[in-house]
Amino acid sequence: MIVLLWIIILSISFLYFFRESFIAELAISFVPYIIWFCIVALIIEIYLIIHESKRRRKHKWIRIFFIILITALTIWIWTLYSSEFFWFYNQNDDAIRLNNDVAGIKVFYANILYKNTDYESLKQKIIEENPDIVIMVEFSDEHEDEMKSFFKENYPYMNRNSWSDMLAWDVVFSKIPLENITETHVVEPWAWNYSYTKLFCNECQDWVDLYVIHTAAPVSIKNFEMRNKQISKLKSDFAKEQNLSTPTIIIWDFNLSPRSYYYKELTKDRNMLNALGFQSPSYTWSLLQQWIFRSHIDQLFISPDLNISEIRIENLKWSDHRSFTFNFWLK
């Protein structure tokens, strides 16, 4: 059994060198848990060696040495990715100035979980925050039916993307008039067209482009490939708009962490800053709303001509994602 355990650990270690694969993507997303798994396996193995029968104790210290060496090597390989992740949270502070003295436009974002039926808590949260713009992902037809009167009364402007039947639904409710720029022609079923709106910011005295994007969760090889196609399309779309001067905000249920090879490929040529990289939220999603298995998969990109307030990140009892609230204004 222990031999099998170490075969698994070594196999996982080699995944580091195949970063574009489905299994490696999952492993990379949960690097801290791989490290803890290695440490627990090491403790179990040493305990069993020390307490095994006298007949089998021959060369036990040599065996313990090699086990520690293998564990140290495995942890070192994966901390290479962890160090990249910590770098993500230690960007140049001069790039984004977090200033709470300016009111700006207030935005509340949440992945509300498609099967969430706690409509009253969601309403109360929005009332409590009183944002100018409410952005939600996994906003289902049931949510719309139950909450349409509330939003009609408080947020007269709406832009919703509901073309996909695979939980890509996203919606923008606003007190500020919106201009819908979203494409209306779906070329491929995997494309999951995203919400793209323009709004006029009185505080900024300028138009602001707002994208809300939800790429597929890589819970299977099929979805993993679908998400990568979506990312490729998005990279192409953004490349066309690279030289546009309009202030831009992209809020994204990315379904991949900043450790990912695909994150780096998508963002390396973009003149955008991930504002969440300046606040160390550590994670934005947790499995079954539990402390174990967490990952940072929601992102907030802003163009360099925008400033934002300090981002308030909160747990939501009715979702497996955390929400975040912020204000933005033109520099």
Protein backbone atom coordinates (compact mmCIF):
# COMPACT_ATOMS: atom_id res chain seq x y z
CA MET A 1 0.00 0.00 0.00
CA ILE A 2 2.80 2.41 0.97
CA VAL A 3 4.71 1.56 -2.21
CA LEU A 4 1.61 2.43 -4.21
CA LEU A 5 1.36 5.71 -2.30
CA TRP A 6 4.88 6.70 -3.31
CA ILE A 7 4.28 5.68 -6.91
CA ILE A 8 1.30 8.06 -6.88
CA ILE A 9 3.42 10.86 -5.37
CA LEU A 10 6.17 10.43 -7.98
CA SER A 11 3.59 10.28 -10.79
CA ILE A 12 2.04 13.51 -9.57
CA SER A 13 5.48 15.12 -9.48
CA PHE A 14 6.07 14.37 -13.16
CA LEU A 15 2.82 16.19 -14.00
CA TYR A 16 4.67 19.44 -13.32
CA PHE A 17 6.45 18.94 -16.65
CA PHE A 18 3.17 18.41 -18.56
CA ARG A 19 1.39 21.57 -17.48
CA GLU A 20 -1.02 21.72 -20.40
CA SER A 21 -2.71 18.40 -19.56
CA PHE A 22 -6.06 17.96 -17.84
CA ILE A 23 -4.69 16.10 -14.81
CA ALA A 24 -1.82 18.57 -14.38
CA GLU A 25 -4.29 21.46 -14.49
CA LEU A 26 -6.22 19.99 -11.56
CA ALA A 27 -3.04 19.20 -9.64
CA ILE A 28 -1.63 22.69 -10.21
CA SER A 29 -4.86 24.26 -8.99
CA PHE A 30 -4.51 22.49 -5.66
CA VAL A 31 -0.76 22.64 -5.06
CA PRO A 32 -0.96 23.18 -1.27
CA TYR A 33 -2.95 19.97 -0.90
CA ILE A 34 -0.37 17.98 -2.86
CA ILE A 35 2.32 19.26 -0.50
CA TRP A 36 0.28 18.33 2.59
CA PHE A 37 -0.46 14.92 1.06
CA CYS A 38 3.29 14.31 0.63
CA ILE A 39 4.03 15.30 4.23
CA VAL A 40 1.29 13.03 5.62
CA ALA A 41 2.51 10.14 3.45
CA LEU A 42 6.06 10.71 4.70
CA ILE A 43 4.96 10.58 8.35
CA ILE A 44 2.96 7.39 7.78
CA GLU A 45 5.85 5.71 5.97
CA ILE A 46 8.42 6.57 8.65
CA TYR A 47 6.05 5.41 11.38
CA LEU A 48 5.52 2.04 9.65
CA ILE A 49 9.26 1.53 9.09
CA ILE A 50 10.08 2.26 12.74
CA HIS A 51 7.37 -0.08 14.01
CA GLU A 52 7.79 -2.94 11.54
CA SER A 53 8.97 -6.34 12.67
CA LYS A 54 12.65 -6.87 13.57
CA ARG A 55 13.06 -9.23 10.64
CA ARG A 56 12.30 -6.37 8.20
CA ARG A 57 14.21 -3.56 9.92
CA LYS A 58 17.39 -4.10 7.90
CA HIS A 59 18.66 -0.85 6.33
CA LYS A 60 15.73 1.09 7.82
CA TRP A 61 17.73 4.35 8.14
CA ILE A 62 18.79 4.15 4.50
CA ARG A 63 15.15 3.61 3.52
CA ILE A 64 14.04 6.54 5.70
CA PHE A 65 16.73 8.74 4.11
CA PHE A 66 15.53 7.95 0.57
CA ILE A 67 11.91 8.46 1.55
CA ILE A 68 12.72 11.90 2.98
CA LEU A 69 14.75 12.69 -0.15
CA ILE A 70 11.86 11.74 -2.46
CA THR A 71 9.40 13.76 -0.38
CA ALA A 72 11.68 16.81 -0.31
CA LEU A 73 12.13 16.62 -4.09
CA THR A 74 8.38 16.35 -4.65
CA ILE A 75 7.62 19.29 -2.36
CA TRP A 76 10.37 21.36 -3.99
CA ILE A 77 8.91 20.74 -7.47
CA TRP A 78 5.46 21.88 -6.40
CA THR A 79 6.64 24.85 -4.37
CA LEU A 80 8.02 26.19 -7.65
CA TYR A 81 4.40 26.76 -8.59
CA SER A 82 3.54 28.00 -5.12
CA SER A 83 6.26 30.65 -5.38
CA GLU A 84 4.75 31.80 -8.68
CA PHE A 85 1.41 32.02 -6.93
CA PHE A 86 2.85 34.08 -4.06
CA TRP A 87 4.42 36.36 -6.64
CA PHE A 88 0.94 36.93 -8.01
CA TYR A 89 0.00 38.41 -4.64
CA ASN A 90 3.06 40.64 -4.45
CA GLN A 91 2.74 42.83 -7.52
CA ASN A 92 3.95 46.40 -7.84
CA ASP A 93 1.84 48.46 -5.43
CA ASP A 94 2.23 51.53 -7.64
CA ALA A 95 0.31 49.83 -10.46
CA ILE A 96 -3.02 49.99 -8.61
CA ARG A 97 -3.68 52.51 -5.87
CA LEU A 98 -6.33 51.21 -3.50
CA ASN A 99 -8.05 54.35 -2.27
CA ASN A 100 -11.29 54.39 -0.29
CA ASP A 101 -11.62 58.18 -0.17
CA VAL A 102 -13.26 58.40 -3.62
CA ALA A 103 -16.85 57.19 -3.97
CA GLY A 104 -16.88 56.20 -7.65
CA ILE A 105 -19.27 53.55 -8.97
CA LYS A 106 -19.92 50.65 -6.61
CA VAL A 107 -19.99 47.11 -8.00
CA PHE A 108 -21.11 43.92 -6.28
CA TYR A 109 -20.12 40.61 -7.92
CA ALA A 110 -21.09 37.07 -6.92
CA ASN A 111 -21.29 33.62 -8.41
CA ILE A 112 -24.61 32.83 -6.74
CA LEU A 113 -24.66 29.05 -7.52
CA TYR A 114 -27.30 27.89 -9.98
CA LYS A 115 -29.09 25.64 -7.45
CA ASN A 116 -29.22 28.29 -4.73
CA THR A 117 -32.82 28.98 -3.66
CA ASP A 118 -32.13 31.38 -0.79
CA TYR A 119 -33.56 34.32 -2.70
CA GLU A 120 -34.29 36.42 0.39
CA SER A 121 -30.69 36.27 1.61
CA LEU A 122 -29.49 37.30 -1.83
CA LYS A 123 -31.89 40.26 -1.85
CA GLN A 124 -30.82 41.29 1.64
CA LYS A 125 -27.17 41.12 0.64
CA ILE A 126 -27.80 43.43 -2.32
CA ILE A 127 -29.83 45.83 -0.17
CA GLU A 128 -27.05 45.83 2.43
CA GLU A 129 -24.36 46.62 -0.17
CA ASN A 130 -26.55 49.03 -2.17
CA PRO A 131 -24.27 48.90 -5.23
CA ASP A 132 -24.76 50.83 -8.46
CA ILE A 133 -24.11 47.65 -10.45
CA VAL A 134 -24.94 44.06 -9.51
CA ILE A 135 -23.12 41.32 -11.44
CA MET A 136 -24.07 37.67 -10.98
CA VAL A 137 -22.87 34.44 -12.51
CA GLU A 138 -24.93 31.20 -12.68
CA PHE A 139 -28.08 33.31 -12.65
CA SER A 140 -30.76 30.80 -13.67
CA ASP A 141 -34.28 31.18 -15.03
CA GLU A 142 -35.56 30.34 -11.53
CA HIS A 143 -33.58 33.23 -10.07
CA GLU A 144 -35.04 35.57 -12.64
CA ASP A 145 -38.61 34.40 -11.97
CA GLU A 146 -38.25 34.80 -8.21
CA MET A 147 -36.40 38.13 -8.22
CA LYS A 148 -37.56 40.03 -11.29
CA SER A 149 -39.86 42.39 -9.34
CA PHE A 150 -37.04 43.22 -6.92
CA PHE A 151 -34.61 44.06 -9.70
CA LYS A 152 -37.20 45.89 -11.77
CA GLU A 153 -37.87 48.19 -8.81
CA ASN A 154 -34.24 48.78 -7.82
CA TYR A 155 -32.18 48.17 -10.97
CA PRO A 156 -34.05 49.24 -14.12
CA TYR A 157 -31.25 48.35 -16.57
CA MET A 158 -30.25 44.78 -17.34
CA ASN A 159 -28.01 42.84 -19.70
CA ARG A 160 -28.18 39.05 -19.55
CA ASN A 161 -26.35 36.29 -21.36
CA SER A 162 -28.38 33.09 -21.22
CA TRP A 163 -27.51 31.46 -24.55
CA SER A 164 -25.67 28.56 -23.03
CA ASP A 165 -27.49 25.68 -21.34
CA MET A 166 -24.35 24.73 -19.38
CA LEU A 167 -24.38 27.17 -16.44
CA ALA A 168 -22.66 30.03 -18.19
CA TRP A 169 -25.53 32.38 -17.40
CA ASP A 170 -24.41 35.79 -16.32
CA VAL A 171 -26.35 38.98 -15.74
CA VAL A 172 -25.66 42.66 -15.10
CA PHE A 173 -28.24 44.76 -13.25
CA SER A 174 -27.58 48.47 -13.10
CA LYS A 175 -28.89 51.80 -11.87
CA ILE A 176 -26.83 53.33 -14.67
CA PRO A 177 -28.00 53.03 -18.29
CA LEU A 178 -26.27 50.19 -20.15
CA GLU A 179 -25.55 49.77 -23.83
CA ASN A 180 -25.58 46.10 -24.83
CA ILE A 181 -22.68 45.26 -27.16
CA THR A 182 -22.84 41.48 -26.72
CA GLU A 183 -22.57 39.44 -29.89
CA THR A 184 -25.87 37.86 -30.87
CA HIS A 185 -24.56 35.17 -33.21
CA VAL A 186 -23.27 31.98 -31.61
CA VAL A 187 -20.77 30.43 -34.03
CA GLU A 188 -19.99 27.35 -31.94
CA PRO A 189 -21.97 25.79 -29.08
CA TRP A 190 -18.87 25.88 -26.89
CA ALA A 191 -18.31 29.60 -27.48
CA TRP A 192 -20.49 30.71 -24.54
CA ASN A 193 -20.83 34.28 -25.65
CA TYR A 194 -20.12 36.61 -22.78
CA SER A 195 -21.83 39.77 -21.57
CA TYR A 196 -20.26 42.90 -22.99
CA THR A 197 -21.82 46.25 -22.08
CA LYS A 198 -20.92 49.91 -22.10
CA LEU A 199 -21.93 52.36 -19.40
CA PHE A 200 -21.35 56.06 -18.99
CA CYS A 201 -19.55 56.91 -15.76
CA ASN A 202 -20.55 60.42 -14.64
CA GLU A 203 -17.73 60.48 -12.10
CA CYS A 204 -15.28 59.51 -14.85
CA GLN A 205 -16.95 61.59 -17.55
CA ASP A 206 -16.16 58.72 -19.90
CA TRP A 207 -17.56 55.45 -21.21
CA VAL A 208 -16.46 52.23 -19.53
CA ASP A 209 -16.45 48.79 -21.15
CA LEU A 210 -17.68 46.04 -18.85
CA TYR A 211 -17.17 42.34 -19.64
CA VAL A 212 -18.69 39.53 -17.56
CA ILE A 213 -17.31 36.14 -18.48
CA HIS A 214 -17.86 32.59 -17.22
CA THR A 215 -15.69 29.92 -18.79
CA ALA A 216 -16.38 26.21 -18.40
CA ALA A 217 -15.37 24.39 -15.21
CA PRO A 218 -12.73 21.73 -16.11
CA VAL A 219 -14.48 18.93 -14.23
CA SER A 220 -13.97 16.53 -17.13
CA ILE A 221 -11.65 16.26 -20.13
CA LYS A 222 -14.50 17.41 -22.39
CA ASN A 223 -15.13 20.52 -20.28
CA PHE A 224 -11.39 21.12 -19.95
CA GLU A 225 -11.06 21.20 -23.75
CA MET A 226 -14.18 23.36 -24.01
CA ARG A 227 -12.77 25.89 -21.56
CA ASN A 228 -9.48 26.04 -23.45
CA LYS A 229 -11.32 26.73 -26.70
CA GLN A 230 -13.23 29.51 -24.98
CA ILE A 231 -9.99 30.98 -23.65
CA SER A 232 -8.48 30.83 -27.13
CA LYS A 233 -11.49 32.69 -28.54
CA LEU A 234 -11.35 35.28 -25.77
CA LYS A 235 -7.65 35.84 -26.38
CA SER A 236 -8.44 36.43 -30.04
CA ASP A 237 -11.31 38.81 -29.20
CA PHE A 238 -9.22 40.83 -26.79
CA ALA A 239 -6.30 41.01 -29.24
CA LYS A 240 -8.59 42.82 -31.70
CA GLU A 241 -9.39 45.44 -29.07
CA GLN A 242 -5.84 45.79 -27.74
CA ASN A 243 -5.43 49.36 -28.96
CA LEU A 244 -8.79 50.69 -27.84
CA SER A 245 -8.50 53.48 -25.30
CA THR A 246 -11.82 52.95 -23.49
CA PRO A 247 -11.45 52.16 -19.76
CA THR A 248 -12.21 48.47 -19.30
CA ILE A 249 -13.30 46.12 -16.51
CA ILE A 250 -13.38 42.35 -16.93
CA ILE A 251 -15.03 40.29 -14.19
CA TRP A 252 -14.42 36.64 -14.74
CA ASP A 253 -15.34 33.31 -13.23
CA PHE A 254 -12.16 31.99 -14.80
CA ASN A 255 -12.30 28.36 -13.61
CA LEU A 256 -8.52 28.29 -13.53
CA SER A 257 -6.06 29.65 -11.00
CA PRO A 258 -3.19 32.12 -11.57
CA ARG A 259 -0.83 29.12 -11.28
CA SER A 260 -2.23 27.70 -14.50
CA TYR A 261 -0.33 27.58 -17.77
CA TYR A 262 -3.50 28.82 -19.49
CA TYR A 263 -3.81 31.83 -17.19
CA LYS A 264 -0.31 32.92 -18.12
CA GLU A 265 -0.92 32.39 -21.82
CA LEU A 266 -4.11 34.45 -21.81
CA THR A 267 -2.81 37.35 -19.74
CA LYS A 268 0.82 37.72 -20.80
CA ASP A 269 0.08 40.11 -23.69
CA ARG A 270 -2.82 41.99 -22.12
CA ASN A 271 -2.41 45.50 -20.82
CA MET A 272 -4.70 44.70 -17.90
CA LEU A 273 -4.08 44.39 -14.15
CA ASN A 274 -5.65 41.71 -11.99
CA ALA A 275 -6.83 43.79 -9.03
CA LEU A 276 -7.28 40.70 -6.85
CA GLY A 277 -3.53 40.15 -7.08
CA PHE A 278 -3.05 43.13 -4.76
CA GLN A 279 -5.17 41.91 -1.86
CA SER A 280 -4.32 38.27 -1.14
CA PRO A 281 -7.79 36.71 -1.08
CA SER A 282 -6.00 33.30 -1.28
CA TYR A 283 -9.09 31.64 -2.70
CA THR A 284 -12.45 32.55 -4.25
CA TRP A 285 -13.95 29.05 -4.51
CA SER A 286 -14.17 26.13 -2.08
CA LEU A 287 -15.41 22.59 -2.61
CA LEU A 288 -18.85 22.06 -1.06
CA GLN A 289 -18.36 25.28 0.92
CA GLN A 290 -15.80 23.54 3.13
CA TRP A 291 -12.29 24.58 4.19
CA ILE A 292 -10.66 21.75 2.26
CA PHE A 293 -9.89 22.12 -1.46
CA ARG A 294 -9.89 25.81 -2.19
CA SER A 295 -8.75 27.61 -5.31
CA HIS A 296 -8.57 31.15 -6.67
CA ILE A 297 -10.63 31.05 -9.88
CA ASP A 298 -12.56 34.36 -9.95
CA GLN A 299 -10.63 37.36 -11.27
CA LEU A 300 -11.03 41.12 -11.63
CA PHE A 301 -9.09 42.77 -14.45
CA ILE A 302 -8.99 46.53 -14.91
CA SER A 303 -7.27 48.73 -17.47
CA PRO A 304 -4.44 51.01 -16.23
CA ASP A 305 -6.59 54.15 -16.63
CA LEU A 306 -8.96 53.04 -13.83
CA ASN A 307 -8.55 53.11 -10.09
CA ILE A 308 -10.47 50.95 -7.65
CA SER A 309 -11.13 51.01 -3.94
CA GLU A 310 -9.98 48.28 -1.61
CA ILE A 311 -11.86 45.13 -2.58
CA ARG A 312 -14.05 43.59 0.11
CA ILE A 313 -14.16 39.81 -0.25
CA GLU A 314 -16.77 37.82 1.67
CA ASN A 315 -17.96 34.25 2.15
CA LEU A 316 -21.50 33.50 1.01
CA LYS A 317 -23.42 30.83 2.90
CA TRP A 318 -25.52 30.10 -0.17
CA SER A 319 -22.68 29.74 -2.70
CA ASP A 320 -19.42 27.84 -3.17
CA HIS A 321 -17.81 31.11 -4.35
CA ARG A 322 -16.89 34.24 -2.43
CA SER A 323 -18.30 37.61 -3.46
CA PHE A 324 -16.37 40.83 -3.87
CA THR A 325 -17.37 44.48 -3.74
CA PHE A 326 -15.41 47.49 -4.97
CA ASN A 327 -15.71 51.05 -6.31
CA PHE A 328 -14.04 52.28 -9.47
CA TRP A 329 -13.27 55.65 -11.01
CA LEU A 330 -11.05 57.14 -13.70
CA LYS A 331 -7.50 58.11 -12.73
